[in-house]
Amino acid sequence: MRNLFKQVQGWFVATTLVEAGVMETEEPDRSARRLSPAIVQKLSLAIAELPLPQVHQIQLRSQIDQAVTQWRSDPKAPNHLVIIADPTEPLEKYRRWVLDQPDWASVALLSDWHRRPQDYTTIADKLAQAIETAQAAGEPGQLVVLPSLDQCFLRCADGLAAIDYLRDAIAGDRHHFWVLSCNQWAWQYLDSVCHTRAYFQQTLTIPKLDGWALRRWLLPLNANVEYPFATAEQVQPAPKPPQQSDSETAEAWASELEEQYFTALATAAGGISQVAAALWLTSLCHQESEKTAETAAQETVESREYHSVVLKDLAFPELPSLTADDRYLLFSLVLHRSIDISDLALTLGDSLEQVTSQAWPLLQQDVIAIAPLGYQLNPAYYLLVRANLRRNNFVVD
């Protein structure tokens, strides 16, 4: 856990953002080994089940309350709010959070729409039918929560019809308050081709997380991981009140080493929750420990799996060399956040076989992954990919 900030600084300097291999290295720990795929999968599922960071919940509550109050009292106030987040963030979880708030009379539009329809040409019609039904059945004053905008278009010929429809439909309906969401890359793209900012002027950009916010967010996972900077009694310290001073904040950490780790993690992840979680996961390993025969006999299969999982120094991925075609593939993939391989081929104007072959090396190197919702970027590589595309004149923010 030593030299965390030197590691993070080296990671940023070497690639203009992040790169491995430039930090001070230590003698390899022969007793440490990589996590098994089963444990990685279990921890990944546990990360996916984490609630929204408290900082994000507070911001959502404040901004939506304020926007809805203004809309109800001022006929000229915007009738919408667009939640904008980095492409790695789970926008469906933000959508569910809004719907779960009991004091908002909210209704989900296409609540079962977790991914883009297979036939992108039907998106506009599906949205039109759902909106007309909601307008006919719903009461004035309701919040209407839409699917994320990045799942409502495809970057190809005729792929923007649904965005054009939504733009006009929402502008013409003052009886409902519309909650939309979109990833930052798609928002930038849609504004360049559909002028979305001119129609949707009220936005909320999800704030970045500092070390303390990350620590609190990852706290439920502590039971499965041995931290070198916290004793069993220190795993769950009292929450930090928002009004604490700097000195009080320092006292809330289990140790100075804990504060250094999570501050470095926040810096390395750019304050993005899913990037931080991915880097945290790659920092875990199995650490062999000496156990008595009696202790080993008392362990369950699951406890034996997790017993030796320990947190080591931050581990940084290294982006492989990218071709021009790789960059276009990654840009289109991240733009849509998650996408089927057939839709990805449409956005690139290439054959399915060609795109499948091109994606294979990136899959093998864990830069991208096949998730239930389609192909997605591994969040651990997000900042690297963004920096690479930015240097090659892609508009990514």
Protein backbone atom coordinates (compact mmCIF):
# COMPACT_ATOMS: atom_id res chain seq x y z
CA MET A 1 0.00 0.00 0.00
CA ARG A 2 3.05 2.25 -0.11
CA ASN A 3 3.61 5.09 -2.58
CA LEU A 4 -0.04 5.25 -3.63
CA PHE A 5 0.10 8.80 -4.84
CA LYS A 6 3.34 8.20 -6.74
CA GLN A 7 1.62 5.28 -8.45
CA VAL A 8 -1.41 7.34 -9.41
CA GLN A 9 0.72 10.27 -10.55
CA GLY A 10 2.85 7.96 -12.68
CA TRP A 11 -0.23 6.37 -14.15
CA PHE A 12 -1.56 9.76 -15.25
CA VAL A 13 1.71 11.20 -16.52
CA ALA A 14 2.72 8.23 -18.65
CA THR A 15 -0.41 8.29 -20.83
CA THR A 16 -1.49 11.87 -20.28
CA LEU A 17 -4.07 10.16 -18.11
CA VAL A 18 -3.44 6.62 -16.93
CA GLU A 19 -0.85 3.95 -17.65
CA ALA A 20 0.69 1.01 -15.87
CA GLY A 21 4.31 0.23 -15.26
CA VAL A 22 5.64 3.64 -14.31
CA MET A 23 5.25 3.35 -10.56
CA GLU A 24 7.79 2.30 -8.02
CA THR A 25 7.73 -1.46 -7.93
CA GLU A 26 8.22 -3.79 -5.05
CA GLU A 27 9.46 -7.35 -4.86
CA PRO A 28 6.53 -9.54 -5.95
CA ASP A 29 4.66 -11.23 -3.15
CA ARG A 30 5.04 -14.93 -3.88
CA SER A 31 2.12 -15.81 -1.59
CA ALA A 32 -0.33 -13.60 -3.53
CA ARG A 33 -2.25 -14.89 -6.53
CA ARG A 34 -5.07 -13.65 -8.75
CA LEU A 35 -8.67 -14.11 -7.72
CA SER A 36 -10.51 -17.06 -9.16
CA PRO A 37 -13.08 -16.27 -11.88
CA ALA A 38 -15.84 -17.42 -9.51
CA ILE A 39 -14.86 -14.87 -6.85
CA VAL A 40 -14.47 -12.11 -9.44
CA GLN A 41 -17.98 -12.86 -10.70
CA LYS A 42 -19.44 -12.86 -7.18
CA LEU A 43 -17.80 -9.56 -6.31
CA SER A 44 -18.85 -8.06 -9.65
CA LEU A 45 -22.45 -9.03 -8.92
CA ALA A 46 -22.14 -7.55 -5.44
CA ILE A 47 -20.89 -4.28 -6.96
CA ALA A 48 -23.84 -4.27 -9.37
CA GLU A 49 -26.21 -4.62 -6.40
CA LEU A 50 -24.78 -1.65 -4.52
CA PRO A 51 -27.22 1.24 -4.12
CA LEU A 52 -26.45 4.58 -5.70
CA PRO A 53 -23.73 6.49 -3.82
CA GLN A 54 -25.28 8.66 -1.15
CA VAL A 55 -23.81 11.79 -2.75
CA HIS A 56 -25.69 10.99 -5.94
CA GLN A 57 -28.94 10.29 -4.11
CA ILE A 58 -28.74 13.63 -2.30
CA GLN A 59 -28.04 15.49 -5.55
CA LEU A 60 -30.89 13.75 -7.37
CA ARG A 61 -33.32 14.47 -4.57
CA SER A 62 -32.37 18.14 -4.38
CA GLN A 63 -32.36 18.84 -8.12
CA ILE A 64 -35.57 17.00 -8.95
CA ASP A 65 -37.43 18.54 -6.01
CA GLN A 66 -36.30 22.00 -7.07
CA ALA A 67 -37.11 21.45 -10.75
CA VAL A 68 -40.57 19.99 -10.08
CA THR A 69 -41.45 22.76 -7.61
CA GLN A 70 -40.52 25.44 -10.14
CA TRP A 71 -42.43 23.70 -12.92
CA ARG A 72 -45.59 23.46 -10.82
CA SER A 73 -45.46 27.12 -9.81
CA ASP A 74 -44.16 28.75 -12.99
CA PRO A 75 -45.79 28.04 -16.38
CA LYS A 76 -42.57 29.08 -18.11
CA ALA A 77 -40.27 26.78 -16.11
CA PRO A 78 -38.78 23.74 -17.91
CA ASN A 79 -40.96 20.62 -17.79
CA HIS A 80 -38.03 18.22 -17.76
CA LEU A 81 -34.71 17.26 -16.20
CA VAL A 82 -31.98 15.32 -17.99
CA ILE A 83 -29.65 13.24 -15.79
CA ILE A 84 -26.22 13.10 -17.44
CA ALA A 85 -23.52 10.66 -16.34
CA ASP A 86 -20.31 9.11 -17.63
CA PRO A 87 -20.88 6.18 -20.04
CA THR A 88 -19.77 3.65 -17.43
CA GLU A 89 -22.53 4.60 -14.98
CA PRO A 90 -25.70 2.45 -14.65
CA LEU A 91 -28.39 4.86 -15.82
CA GLU A 92 -31.11 2.23 -15.30
CA LYS A 93 -30.29 2.30 -11.59
CA TYR A 94 -30.80 6.08 -11.50
CA ARG A 95 -34.11 5.59 -13.27
CA ARG A 96 -35.24 2.97 -10.73
CA TRP A 97 -34.17 5.21 -7.86
CA VAL A 98 -36.43 8.02 -9.10
CA LEU A 99 -39.35 5.61 -9.50
CA ASP A 100 -38.84 4.19 -5.99
CA GLN A 101 -39.25 7.54 -4.24
CA PRO A 102 -42.69 7.37 -2.58
CA ASP A 103 -43.35 11.12 -2.46
CA TRP A 104 -43.08 11.60 -6.22
CA ALA A 105 -46.10 10.65 -8.30
CA SER A 106 -43.96 9.05 -10.98
CA VAL A 107 -44.76 6.58 -13.72
CA ALA A 108 -42.29 4.53 -15.74
CA LEU A 109 -42.49 4.70 -19.49
CA LEU A 110 -41.56 1.33 -21.02
CA SER A 111 -40.47 0.00 -17.62
CA ASP A 112 -39.35 -3.29 -19.18
CA TRP A 113 -37.13 -1.50 -21.70
CA HIS A 114 -33.65 -2.25 -20.39
CA ARG A 115 -32.00 -2.44 -23.78
CA ARG A 116 -32.43 -1.05 -27.26
CA PRO A 117 -35.09 -2.90 -29.32
CA GLN A 118 -33.61 -5.34 -31.82
CA ASP A 119 -35.15 -3.41 -34.72
CA TYR A 120 -34.06 0.19 -34.23
CA THR A 121 -36.60 1.41 -36.79
CA THR A 122 -39.41 0.56 -34.33
CA ILE A 123 -38.06 2.71 -31.46
CA ALA A 124 -39.97 5.86 -32.42
CA ASP A 125 -43.28 4.00 -32.80
CA LYS A 126 -42.85 2.19 -29.47
CA LEU A 127 -42.12 5.46 -27.70
CA ALA A 128 -45.07 7.20 -29.38
CA GLN A 129 -47.49 4.46 -28.32
CA ALA A 130 -46.18 4.48 -24.73
CA ILE A 131 -46.30 8.27 -24.43
CA GLU A 132 -49.82 8.50 -25.85
CA THR A 133 -50.99 5.82 -23.40
CA ALA A 134 -49.34 7.59 -20.46
CA GLN A 135 -50.83 10.93 -21.46
CA ALA A 136 -54.31 9.45 -21.75
CA ALA A 137 -54.22 7.45 -18.51
CA GLY A 138 -51.99 9.55 -16.30
CA GLU A 139 -52.99 12.47 -14.16
CA PRO A 140 -51.61 15.96 -14.80
CA GLY A 141 -48.63 16.71 -12.60
CA GLN A 142 -47.11 13.25 -12.76
CA LEU A 143 -43.41 12.60 -13.31
CA VAL A 144 -42.83 10.50 -16.41
CA VAL A 145 -39.53 8.59 -16.30
CA LEU A 146 -38.17 7.67 -19.72
CA PRO A 147 -35.64 5.04 -20.80
CA SER A 148 -32.14 6.46 -21.18
CA LEU A 149 -31.69 8.40 -24.40
CA ASP A 150 -28.62 6.37 -25.40
CA GLN A 151 -30.95 3.36 -25.75
CA CYS A 152 -33.36 5.33 -27.96
CA PHE A 153 -31.15 5.86 -31.00
CA LEU A 154 -28.58 4.20 -33.20
CA ARG A 155 -25.81 6.10 -34.96
CA CYS A 156 -26.80 5.13 -38.48
CA ALA A 157 -29.18 6.19 -41.25
CA ASP A 158 -32.67 6.83 -39.83
CA GLY A 159 -31.42 5.97 -36.35
CA LEU A 160 -32.42 9.30 -34.78
CA ALA A 161 -36.17 9.30 -35.47
CA ALA A 162 -37.04 8.52 -31.84
CA ILE A 163 -34.93 11.42 -30.54
CA ASP A 164 -36.67 13.83 -32.91
CA TYR A 165 -40.04 12.51 -31.76
CA LEU A 166 -39.18 12.81 -28.05
CA ARG A 167 -37.86 16.32 -28.53
CA ASP A 168 -41.17 17.51 -30.00
CA ALA A 169 -43.47 15.42 -27.78
CA ILE A 170 -41.95 16.64 -24.51
CA ALA A 171 -41.85 20.26 -25.66
CA GLY A 172 -45.58 20.05 -26.41
CA ASP A 173 -46.69 18.49 -23.10
CA ARG A 174 -46.78 20.87 -20.14
CA HIS A 175 -49.05 18.59 -18.09
CA HIS A 176 -46.29 16.18 -17.09
CA PHE A 177 -42.74 16.51 -15.81
CA TRP A 178 -40.29 14.41 -17.80
CA VAL A 179 -37.22 12.77 -16.27
CA LEU A 180 -34.67 11.73 -18.89
CA SER A 181 -31.14 10.36 -18.67
CA CYS A 182 -28.21 10.07 -21.05
CA ASN A 183 -24.52 9.30 -21.00
CA GLN A 184 -22.17 12.22 -21.58
CA TRP A 185 -20.83 11.00 -24.93
CA ALA A 186 -24.30 10.39 -26.37
CA TRP A 187 -25.51 13.74 -25.05
CA GLN A 188 -22.69 15.52 -26.85
CA TYR A 189 -23.37 13.58 -30.05
CA LEU A 190 -27.14 14.15 -29.96
CA ASP A 191 -26.65 17.86 -29.46
CA SER A 192 -24.37 18.02 -32.49
CA VAL A 193 -26.91 16.33 -34.76
CA CYS A 194 -30.31 17.05 -33.13
CA HIS A 195 -29.62 20.24 -31.13
CA THR A 196 -30.94 18.56 -27.98
CA ARG A 197 -29.54 21.23 -25.64
CA ALA A 198 -31.80 23.82 -27.25
CA TYR A 199 -34.84 21.74 -26.31
CA PHE A 200 -33.65 20.14 -23.05
CA GLN A 201 -31.98 22.99 -21.23
CA GLN A 202 -32.36 21.72 -17.66
CA THR A 203 -29.74 19.09 -16.87
CA LEU A 204 -28.12 17.45 -13.87
CA THR A 205 -24.57 16.18 -14.28
CA ILE A 206 -23.84 13.40 -11.79
CA PRO A 207 -21.11 14.70 -9.44
CA LYS A 208 -17.73 13.04 -9.01
CA LEU A 209 -16.98 11.12 -5.83
CA ASP A 210 -14.15 11.89 -3.44
CA GLY A 211 -12.32 9.30 -1.36
CA TRP A 212 -14.74 9.46 1.55
CA ALA A 213 -17.79 9.00 -0.70
CA LEU A 214 -16.15 6.00 -2.38
CA ARG A 215 -15.31 4.45 0.97
CA ARG A 216 -18.92 4.75 2.14
CA TRP A 217 -20.26 3.40 -1.15
CA LEU A 218 -17.99 0.31 -1.10
CA LEU A 219 -18.56 -0.32 2.61
CA PRO A 220 -21.06 -3.20 2.12
CA LEU A 221 -18.31 -5.21 0.40
CA ASN A 222 -15.95 -4.99 3.38
CA ALA A 223 -17.14 -8.26 4.88
CA ASN A 224 -15.59 -10.17 1.97
CA VAL A 225 -12.23 -8.39 1.90
CA GLU A 226 -9.34 -8.11 4.34
CA TYR A 227 -8.13 -4.51 4.47
CA PRO A 228 -4.59 -3.82 5.66
CA PHE A 229 -5.61 -0.52 7.21
CA ALA A 230 -8.68 -1.41 9.30
CA THR A 231 -9.19 -3.72 12.23
CA ALA A 232 -12.44 -5.61 12.72
CA GLU A 233 -13.63 -2.90 15.11
CA GLN A 234 -12.90 -0.19 12.55
CA VAL A 235 -14.71 -1.67 9.55
CA GLN A 236 -17.89 0.34 10.16
CA PRO A 237 -17.09 3.66 11.81
CA ALA A 238 -19.80 6.20 12.45
CA PRO A 239 -20.92 7.99 9.28
CA LYS A 240 -19.40 11.40 8.67
CA PRO A 241 -21.91 14.24 9.10
CA PRO A 242 -21.88 16.62 6.10
CA GLN A 243 -20.97 19.58 8.32
CA GLN A 244 -17.76 18.03 9.68
CA SER A 245 -14.60 20.09 9.63
CA ASP A 246 -11.36 18.85 8.09
CA SER A 247 -10.04 17.75 11.45
CA GLU A 248 -13.22 15.81 12.20
CA THR A 249 -13.08 14.21 8.77
CA ALA A 250 -9.56 12.94 9.45
CA GLU A 251 -10.75 11.39 12.71
CA ALA A 252 -13.49 9.48 10.87
CA TRP A 253 -11.00 7.46 8.82
CA ALA A 254 -9.85 4.16 10.33
CA SER A 255 -6.27 5.23 9.69
CA GLU A 256 -4.18 7.60 7.61
CA LEU A 257 -3.41 4.70 5.29
CA GLU A 258 -7.11 4.14 4.65
CA GLU A 259 -7.57 7.80 3.76
CA GLN A 260 -4.57 7.65 1.41
CA TYR A 261 -5.91 4.56 -0.35
CA PHE A 262 -9.42 5.86 -1.03
CA THR A 263 -8.19 9.34 -1.94
CA ALA A 264 -5.79 7.76 -4.43
CA LEU A 265 -8.58 5.52 -5.72
CA ALA A 266 -10.84 8.53 -6.28
CA THR A 267 -8.05 10.34 -8.13
CA ALA A 268 -7.21 7.34 -10.31
CA ALA A 269 -10.88 6.78 -11.15
CA GLY A 270 -11.62 10.41 -11.91
CA GLY A 271 -14.32 10.30 -9.23
CA ILE A 272 -16.43 7.89 -11.34
CA SER A 273 -18.05 5.17 -9.25
CA GLN A 274 -17.91 2.25 -11.71
CA VAL A 275 -14.33 3.02 -12.72
CA ALA A 276 -13.36 3.10 -9.04
CA ALA A 277 -15.13 -0.20 -8.40
CA ALA A 278 -13.32 -1.82 -11.33
CA LEU A 279 -9.92 -0.58 -10.12
CA TRP A 280 -10.76 -1.72 -6.58
CA LEU A 281 -11.63 -5.17 -7.90
CA THR A 282 -8.36 -5.48 -9.83
CA SER A 283 -6.50 -4.55 -6.63
CA LEU A 284 -7.72 -7.70 -4.86
CA CYS A 285 -5.85 -10.97 -4.73
CA HIS A 286 -5.69 -14.22 -2.81
CA GLN A 287 -3.17 -14.16 0.02
CA GLU A 288 -2.12 -17.52 1.38
CA SER A 289 -2.24 -17.70 5.15
CA GLU A 290 -1.26 -20.28 7.70
CA LYS A 291 -4.26 -21.98 9.29
CA THR A 292 -4.48 -24.72 11.82
CA ALA A 293 -6.23 -27.93 10.86
CA GLU A 294 -9.03 -27.08 13.31
CA THR A 295 -9.59 -23.64 11.76
CA ALA A 296 -9.61 -25.03 8.24
CA ALA A 297 -12.14 -27.71 9.17
CA GLN A 298 -14.54 -25.11 10.57
CA GLU A 299 -14.62 -23.02 7.39
CA THR A 300 -17.47 -23.34 4.92
CA VAL A 301 -16.77 -23.49 1.20
CA GLU A 302 -17.78 -19.83 0.79
CA SER A 303 -15.76 -18.63 3.76
CA ARG A 304 -12.71 -20.47 2.42
CA GLU A 305 -13.20 -18.69 -0.91
CA TYR A 306 -13.33 -15.24 0.67
CA HIS A 307 -11.07 -15.82 3.66
CA SER A 308 -7.86 -15.05 1.81
CA VAL A 309 -9.11 -12.13 -0.34
CA VAL A 310 -6.98 -9.13 0.55
CA LEU A 311 -6.53 -5.64 -0.83
CA LYS A 312 -3.10 -4.89 -2.27
CA ASP A 313 -1.69 -1.78 -3.97
CA LEU A 314 -3.80 -0.18 -6.67
CA ALA A 315 -3.45 -2.18 -9.88
CA PHE A 316 -3.67 -0.22 -13.11
CA PRO A 317 -4.58 -1.70 -16.51
CA GLU A 318 -2.57 -1.02 -19.63
CA LEU A 319 -4.38 -0.18 -22.84
CA PRO A 320 -3.14 -2.22 -25.80
CA SER A 321 -2.09 -0.49 -28.98
CA LEU A 322 -5.18 0.60 -30.91
CA THR A 323 -5.69 0.83 -34.65
CA ALA A 324 -7.88 3.47 -36.28
CA ASP A 325 -10.61 0.84 -36.71
CA ASP A 326 -10.35 -0.06 -33.02
CA ARG A 327 -10.92 3.56 -32.09
CA TYR A 328 -14.06 3.84 -34.22
CA LEU A 329 -15.38 0.61 -32.72
CA LEU A 330 -14.71 1.75 -29.16
CA PHE A 331 -16.18 5.19 -29.80
CA SER A 332 -19.40 3.73 -31.16
CA LEU A 333 -19.62 1.17 -28.38
CA VAL A 334 -19.14 3.70 -25.58
CA LEU A 335 -21.43 6.22 -27.30
CA HIS A 336 -24.29 3.72 -27.01
CA ARG A 337 -23.09 2.45 -23.57
CA SER A 338 -24.23 -1.08 -24.37
CA ILE A 339 -24.94 -2.46 -27.82
CA ASP A 340 -25.57 -5.72 -29.67
CA ILE A 341 -22.86 -6.78 -32.08
CA SER A 342 -25.31 -6.53 -35.02
CA ASP A 343 -26.21 -2.94 -34.09
CA LEU A 344 -22.53 -2.16 -33.61
CA ALA A 345 -21.89 -3.36 -37.16
CA LEU A 346 -24.67 -1.05 -38.41
CA THR A 347 -23.13 1.97 -36.70
CA LEU A 348 -19.73 1.20 -38.23
CA GLY A 349 -21.07 0.38 -41.69
CA ASP A 350 -19.19 -2.93 -41.70
CA SER A 351 -20.28 -6.55 -41.98
CA LEU A 352 -21.17 -8.54 -38.87
CA GLU A 353 -18.29 -10.93 -39.53
CA GLN A 354 -15.80 -8.09 -39.85
CA VAL A 355 -16.90 -6.39 -36.62
CA THR A 356 -16.98 -9.69 -34.71
CA SER A 357 -13.43 -10.41 -35.83
CA GLN A 358 -12.31 -6.90 -34.94
CA ALA A 359 -13.88 -7.05 -31.47
CA TRP A 360 -12.34 -10.41 -30.59
CA PRO A 361 -8.84 -9.16 -29.59
CA LEU A 362 -10.39 -6.42 -27.43
CA LEU A 363 -12.52 -9.07 -25.73
CA GLN A 364 -9.49 -11.28 -25.16
CA GLN A 365 -7.62 -8.39 -23.55
CA ASP A 366 -10.63 -7.50 -21.31
CA VAL A 367 -10.93 -4.00 -22.80
CA ILE A 368 -14.54 -4.80 -23.67
CA ALA A 369 -16.90 -7.45 -22.35
CA ILE A 370 -20.12 -9.19 -23.34
CA ALA A 371 -22.74 -8.30 -20.73
CA PRO A 372 -26.45 -9.23 -20.54
CA LEU A 373 -27.32 -5.93 -22.21
CA GLY A 374 -24.76 -6.32 -25.01
CA TYR A 375 -21.14 -5.37 -25.62
CA GLN A 376 -19.79 -2.90 -23.06
CA LEU A 377 -16.50 -1.24 -22.22
CA ASN A 378 -14.68 -2.56 -19.17
CA PRO A 379 -14.93 0.44 -16.79
CA ALA A 380 -11.30 -0.03 -15.71
CA TYR A 381 -10.26 1.08 -19.22
CA TYR A 382 -12.67 3.99 -19.57
CA LEU A 383 -10.24 6.82 -18.75
CA LEU A 384 -7.56 5.25 -20.94
CA VAL A 385 -9.92 4.89 -23.89
CA ARG A 386 -11.28 8.41 -23.43
CA ALA A 387 -7.77 9.86 -23.36
CA ASN A 388 -6.72 7.89 -26.44
CA LEU A 389 -9.78 8.96 -28.44
CA ARG A 390 -9.43 12.55 -27.31
CA ARG A 391 -5.83 12.63 -28.54
CA ASN A 392 -7.06 11.31 -31.88
CA ASN A 393 -9.65 14.08 -32.31
CA PHE A 394 -12.78 12.20 -31.26
CA VAL A 395 -15.37 14.37 -29.50
CA VAL A 396 -15.95 12.53 -26.24
CA ASP A 397 -17.01 15.30 -23.87
